[in-house]
N, C-alpha and C. Protein backbone atom coordinates (compact mmCIF):
# COMPACT_ATOMS: atom_id res chain seq x y z
N MET A 1 -42.71 131.11 96.85
CA MET A 1 -41.30 131.46 96.82
C MET A 1 -40.51 130.26 96.28
N ASP A 2 -39.63 130.55 95.33
CA ASP A 2 -38.84 129.50 94.69
C ASP A 2 -37.48 129.41 95.38
N VAL A 3 -37.33 128.41 96.22
CA VAL A 3 -36.09 128.21 96.96
C VAL A 3 -35.18 127.30 96.14
N PRO A 4 -33.94 127.76 95.88
CA PRO A 4 -33.03 126.91 95.11
C PRO A 4 -32.68 125.63 95.87
N THR A 5 -32.70 124.56 95.17
CA THR A 5 -32.33 123.28 95.77
C THR A 5 -30.87 123.00 95.43
N ARG A 6 -30.34 122.00 96.08
CA ARG A 6 -28.95 121.63 95.83
C ARG A 6 -28.76 121.24 94.37
N ASP A 7 -29.71 120.50 93.80
CA ASP A 7 -29.60 120.07 92.40
C ASP A 7 -29.63 121.26 91.45
N SER A 8 -30.48 122.25 91.72
CA SER A 8 -30.53 123.41 90.82
C SER A 8 -29.26 124.24 90.94
N GLN A 9 -28.70 124.31 92.14
CA GLN A 9 -27.44 125.03 92.31
C GLN A 9 -26.31 124.34 91.56
N LEU A 10 -26.26 123.01 91.63
CA LEU A 10 -25.24 122.26 90.91
C LEU A 10 -25.41 122.40 89.41
N ALA A 11 -26.64 122.45 88.95
CA ALA A 11 -26.90 122.60 87.53
C ALA A 11 -26.39 123.94 87.02
N GLU A 12 -26.46 124.97 87.88
CA GLU A 12 -25.95 126.29 87.49
C GLU A 12 -24.43 126.32 87.53
N ILE A 13 -23.84 125.62 88.45
CA ILE A 13 -22.38 125.61 88.60
C ILE A 13 -21.73 124.78 87.50
N ASP A 14 -22.35 123.71 87.09
CA ASP A 14 -21.75 122.79 86.14
C ASP A 14 -21.29 123.45 84.85
N PRO A 15 -22.11 124.27 84.16
CA PRO A 15 -21.61 124.92 82.93
C PRO A 15 -20.42 125.84 83.20
N LYS A 16 -20.46 126.50 84.34
CA LYS A 16 -19.34 127.38 84.69
C LYS A 16 -18.08 126.55 84.93
N ALA A 17 -18.23 125.45 85.64
CA ALA A 17 -17.09 124.57 85.91
C ALA A 17 -16.55 123.98 84.61
N GLN A 18 -17.45 123.62 83.71
CA GLN A 18 -17.02 123.06 82.42
C GLN A 18 -16.26 124.09 81.60
N ALA A 19 -16.66 125.33 81.68
CA ALA A 19 -15.95 126.39 80.95
C ALA A 19 -14.63 126.74 81.63
N LEU A 20 -14.62 126.69 82.94
CA LEU A 20 -13.43 127.08 83.69
C LEU A 20 -12.32 126.03 83.62
N SER A 21 -12.69 124.78 83.63
CA SER A 21 -11.71 123.70 83.67
C SER A 21 -10.69 123.75 82.54
N PRO A 22 -11.10 123.88 81.26
CA PRO A 22 -10.09 123.95 80.20
C PRO A 22 -9.24 125.22 80.28
N ALA A 23 -9.85 126.31 80.72
CA ALA A 23 -9.09 127.56 80.84
C ALA A 23 -8.00 127.44 81.90
N VAL A 24 -8.34 126.80 83.01
CA VAL A 24 -7.36 126.60 84.08
C VAL A 24 -6.25 125.67 83.58
N GLN A 25 -6.62 124.60 82.90
CA GLN A 25 -5.63 123.65 82.39
C GLN A 25 -4.70 124.32 81.38
N GLN A 26 -5.26 125.11 80.47
CA GLN A 26 -4.45 125.80 79.47
C GLN A 26 -3.51 126.81 80.13
N THR A 27 -4.00 127.52 81.11
CA THR A 27 -3.17 128.49 81.83
C THR A 27 -2.02 127.79 82.55
N THR A 28 -2.31 126.68 83.18
CA THR A 28 -1.28 125.90 83.87
C THR A 28 -0.23 125.39 82.88
N ASP A 29 -0.68 124.90 81.73
CA ASP A 29 0.24 124.42 80.70
C ASP A 29 1.14 125.55 80.21
N LEU A 30 0.57 126.72 79.97
CA LEU A 30 1.35 127.86 79.50
C LEU A 30 2.36 128.32 80.56
N GLN A 31 1.96 128.27 81.83
CA GLN A 31 2.90 128.63 82.90
C GLN A 31 4.07 127.66 82.93
N GLN A 32 3.81 126.38 82.73
CA GLN A 32 4.90 125.39 82.71
C GLN A 32 5.84 125.65 81.54
N GLN A 33 5.26 125.92 80.36
CA GLN A 33 6.08 126.19 79.18
C GLN A 33 6.94 127.43 79.40
N THR A 34 6.36 128.46 79.99
CA THR A 34 7.10 129.69 80.26
C THR A 34 8.24 129.43 81.22
N THR A 35 7.99 128.66 82.26
CA THR A 35 9.03 128.34 83.22
C THR A 35 10.17 127.59 82.55
N CYS A 36 9.84 126.60 81.72
CA CYS A 36 10.88 125.83 81.02
C CYS A 36 11.70 126.73 80.11
N ARG A 37 11.05 127.62 79.41
CA ARG A 37 11.77 128.53 78.50
C ARG A 37 12.66 129.49 79.27
N LEU A 38 12.16 130.01 80.39
CA LEU A 38 12.98 130.92 81.19
C LEU A 38 14.20 130.22 81.77
N LEU A 39 14.01 128.99 82.21
CA LEU A 39 15.15 128.24 82.73
C LEU A 39 16.17 127.95 81.63
N ALA A 40 15.71 127.65 80.43
CA ALA A 40 16.62 127.42 79.31
C ALA A 40 17.37 128.70 78.97
N MET A 41 16.68 129.84 79.02
CA MET A 41 17.35 131.12 78.78
C MET A 41 18.42 131.38 79.84
N ALA A 42 18.10 131.06 81.08
CA ALA A 42 19.06 131.28 82.17
C ALA A 42 20.31 130.45 81.95
N VAL A 43 20.16 129.23 81.47
CA VAL A 43 21.32 128.38 81.19
C VAL A 43 22.19 129.01 80.10
N GLU A 44 21.56 129.50 79.05
CA GLU A 44 22.32 130.13 77.97
C GLU A 44 23.00 131.40 78.43
N ILE A 45 22.34 132.18 79.25
CA ILE A 45 22.95 133.40 79.78
C ILE A 45 24.13 133.05 80.67
N GLU A 46 23.98 132.01 81.47
CA GLU A 46 25.09 131.57 82.32
C GLU A 46 26.30 131.16 81.48
N LYS A 47 26.06 130.44 80.38
CA LYS A 47 27.15 130.04 79.49
C LYS A 47 27.85 131.28 78.92
N LEU A 48 27.06 132.27 78.54
CA LEU A 48 27.61 133.49 77.97
C LEU A 48 28.45 134.24 78.99
N THR A 49 27.99 134.28 80.23
CA THR A 49 28.73 135.02 81.26
C THR A 49 30.01 134.30 81.68
N GLU A 50 30.16 133.03 81.30
CA GLU A 50 31.42 132.34 81.54
C GLU A 50 32.49 132.81 80.56
N ILE A 51 32.05 133.34 79.41
CA ILE A 51 32.98 133.78 78.37
C ILE A 51 33.18 135.29 78.43
N LEU A 52 32.09 136.03 78.61
CA LEU A 52 32.13 137.49 78.64
C LEU A 52 31.98 138.00 80.06
N LEU A 53 32.46 139.19 80.30
CA LEU A 53 32.21 139.85 81.58
C LEU A 53 30.72 140.14 81.68
N GLY A 54 30.22 140.28 82.90
CA GLY A 54 28.80 140.53 83.13
C GLY A 54 28.24 141.68 82.31
N ALA A 55 28.94 142.81 82.32
CA ALA A 55 28.47 143.99 81.60
C ALA A 55 28.46 143.75 80.09
N GLU A 56 29.48 143.05 79.59
CA GLU A 56 29.53 142.74 78.16
C GLU A 56 28.39 141.81 77.76
N ALA A 57 28.14 140.82 78.58
CA ALA A 57 27.06 139.87 78.30
C ALA A 57 25.72 140.59 78.30
N LYS A 58 25.52 141.46 79.27
CA LYS A 58 24.27 142.20 79.37
C LYS A 58 24.08 143.11 78.15
N THR A 59 25.13 143.81 77.76
CA THR A 59 25.06 144.69 76.59
C THR A 59 24.78 143.89 75.33
N SER A 60 25.44 142.76 75.17
CA SER A 60 25.25 141.90 74.01
C SER A 60 23.83 141.37 73.94
N LEU A 61 23.32 140.88 75.05
CA LEU A 61 21.96 140.36 75.07
C LEU A 61 20.92 141.45 74.79
N LYS A 62 21.19 142.62 75.33
CA LYS A 62 20.28 143.74 75.10
C LYS A 62 20.25 144.11 73.62
N ALA A 63 21.42 144.18 73.00
CA ALA A 63 21.52 144.60 71.60
C ALA A 63 21.04 143.52 70.63
N ARG A 64 21.43 142.30 70.86
CA ARG A 64 21.16 141.23 69.90
C ARG A 64 19.84 140.51 70.11
N CYS A 65 19.35 140.49 71.34
CA CYS A 65 18.13 139.72 71.64
C CYS A 65 16.97 140.62 72.06
N SER A 66 17.20 141.91 72.05
CA SER A 66 16.18 142.87 72.45
C SER A 66 15.67 142.64 73.87
N LEU A 67 16.54 142.17 74.75
CA LEU A 67 16.14 141.99 76.13
C LEU A 67 16.26 143.32 76.85
N PRO A 68 15.26 143.66 77.65
CA PRO A 68 15.36 144.90 78.43
C PRO A 68 16.43 144.80 79.50
N ASP A 69 16.86 145.92 80.02
CA ASP A 69 17.92 145.95 81.03
C ASP A 69 17.59 145.08 82.24
N THR A 70 16.34 144.94 82.57
CA THR A 70 15.96 144.20 83.77
C THR A 70 16.00 142.70 83.57
N GLU A 71 16.01 142.21 82.33
CA GLU A 71 15.97 140.77 82.07
C GLU A 71 17.27 140.05 82.41
N PRO A 72 18.37 140.36 81.71
CA PRO A 72 19.59 139.61 82.01
C PRO A 72 20.21 140.10 83.31
N SER A 73 20.30 139.22 84.27
CA SER A 73 20.90 139.63 85.54
C SER A 73 22.34 139.16 85.59
N ALA A 74 23.13 139.73 84.72
CA ALA A 74 24.55 139.36 84.64
C ALA A 74 25.36 140.25 85.54
């Protein structure tokens, strides 16, 4: 009977860990970029709502930026 040893188990895990590590890093980087972009959008929407009424800002963003109704919370 071939009983797996700790070294053989680590040898099997290592390629998986090597493949997973860059994927996790890339996913984390993309999440950070998305967060930064969403926060920048929120700042611009806030500036717009200082000039336009909420409904006008929402309609404008929907028409000009193709944002769905659920995106701009004006």
